Structures are given as C-alpha cells and as structure tokens.
C-alpha atoms as a PDB file:
ATOM      1  CA  MET A   1     171.458-124.297 -54.373  1.00  0.00           C
ATOM      2  CA  ARG A   2     172.288-123.117 -51.196  1.00  0.00           C
ATOM      3  CA  GLU A   3     170.112-120.455 -50.900  1.00  0.00           C
ATOM      4  CA  TRP A   4     167.580-121.889 -52.000  1.00  0.00           C
ATOM      5  CA  LEU A   5     167.216-124.863 -49.471  1.00  0.00           C
ATOM      6  CA  GLY A   6     167.805-121.555 -46.827  1.00  0.00           C
ATOM      7  CA  ALA A   7     164.390-119.933 -48.173  1.00  0.00           C
ATOM      8  CA  CYS A   8     163.115-123.197 -47.918  1.00  0.00           C
ATOM      9  CA  GLY A   9     163.708-124.233 -44.530  1.00  0.00           C
ATOM     10  CA  VAL A  10     163.132-120.829 -43.494  1.00  0.00           C
ATOM     11  CA  GLN A  11     159.053-121.419 -45.769  1.00  0.00           C
ATOM     12  CA  LEU A  12     158.871-124.591 -43.605  1.00  0.00           C
ATOM     13  CA  HIS A  13     159.899-123.072 -40.013  1.00  0.00           C
ATOM     14  CA  SER A  14     155.618-122.288 -39.119  1.00  0.00           C
ATOM     15  CA  LEU A  15     154.962-125.831 -40.808  1.00  0.00           C
ATOM     16  CA  VAL A  16     157.451-127.721 -38.178  1.00  0.00           C
ATOM     17  CA  ASP A  17     156.456-125.574 -35.155  1.00  0.00           C
ATOM     18  CA  ALA A  18     152.608-126.281 -36.283  1.00  0.00           C
ATOM     19  CA  LEU A  19     153.328-129.957 -36.606  1.00  0.00           C
ATOM     20  CA  LYS A  20     155.562-130.271 -32.964  1.00  0.00           C
ATOM     21  CA  GLN A  21     153.261-128.812 -31.006  1.00  0.00           C
ATOM     22  CA  GLU A  22     150.520-131.230 -32.151  1.00  0.00           C
ATOM     23  CA  MET A  23     152.404-133.647 -31.664  1.00  0.00           C
ATOM     24  CA  LEU A  24     152.687-132.629 -27.868  1.00  0.00           C
ATOM     25  CA  ASN A  25     149.562-131.254 -27.505  1.00  0.00           C
ATOM     26  CA  HIS A  26     148.784-135.466 -27.077  1.00  0.00           C
ATOM     27  CA  SER A  27     149.754-137.796 -24.380  1.00  0.00           C
ATOM     28  CA  VAL A  28     150.888-140.829 -26.162  1.00  0.00           C
ATOM     29  CA  LEU A  29     153.127-140.420 -29.362  1.00  0.00           C
ATOM     30  CA  HIS A  30     153.194-143.852 -31.766  1.00  0.00           C
ATOM     31  CA  ALA A  31     156.698-144.030 -33.866  1.00  0.00           C
ATOM     32  CA  ASP A  32     157.313-147.624 -35.876  1.00  0.00           C
ATOM     33  CA  GLU A  33     160.611-148.667 -34.822  1.00  0.00           C
ATOM     34  CA  THR A  34     160.891-151.819 -37.515  1.00  0.00           C
ATOM     35  CA  PRO A  35     164.622-152.495 -38.988  1.00  0.00           C
ATOM     36  CA  VAL A  36     165.779-151.753 -42.142  1.00  0.00           C
ATOM     37  CA  THR A  37     168.891-153.495 -43.715  1.00  0.00           C
ATOM     38  CA  THR A  38     171.499-151.426 -45.397  1.00  0.00           C
ATOM     39  CA  LEU A  39     174.571-151.664 -46.317  1.00  0.00           C
ATOM     40  CA  LYS A  40     177.960-150.281 -44.274  1.00  0.00           C
ATOM     41  CA  PRO A  41     179.666-148.023 -46.681  1.00  0.00           C
ATOM     42  CA  GLY A  42     183.198-149.271 -47.507  1.00  0.00           C
ATOM     43  CA  ASN A  43     182.165-153.152 -46.285  1.00  0.00           C
ATOM     44  CA  LYS A  44     179.125-154.047 -48.610  1.00  0.00           C
ATOM     45  CA  LYS A  45     177.253-155.985 -46.031  1.00  0.00           C
ATOM     46  CA  PRO A  46     174.583-156.013 -44.714  1.00  0.00           C
ATOM     47  CA  HIS A  47     173.321-154.614 -41.345  1.00  0.00           C
ATOM     48  CA  ARG A  48     170.106-153.503 -39.836  1.00  0.00           C
ATOM     49  CA  ALA A  49     169.590-150.143 -38.677  1.00  0.00           C
END
C-alpha cells in the first residue's frame, strides 16, 4: 500500500504544482474558516475546531 500511495503522490505532483501556481497568480485568496464540532480523542466531549 505504501508503494501505491507513493506512486499516486508522484503522479499528482504536477497537478499540485499547477494548482499552487494558479492560487499564487491571484491577489486575493478566499477561505472558509467556519468552525466545526469535533470529538476530542479519549474525552468524548465535543469542541470547536
């Protein structure tokens, strides 16, 4: 499985580079920073992440 994931990473490297360049070509980057509720491991209490 490790080899398969490594091969996928190699194949997707050019796509990642193209997306990065496209993002850097713009002066404004919009992101969604909406908090989500998650469970802390071992605590079983929800918190905002």
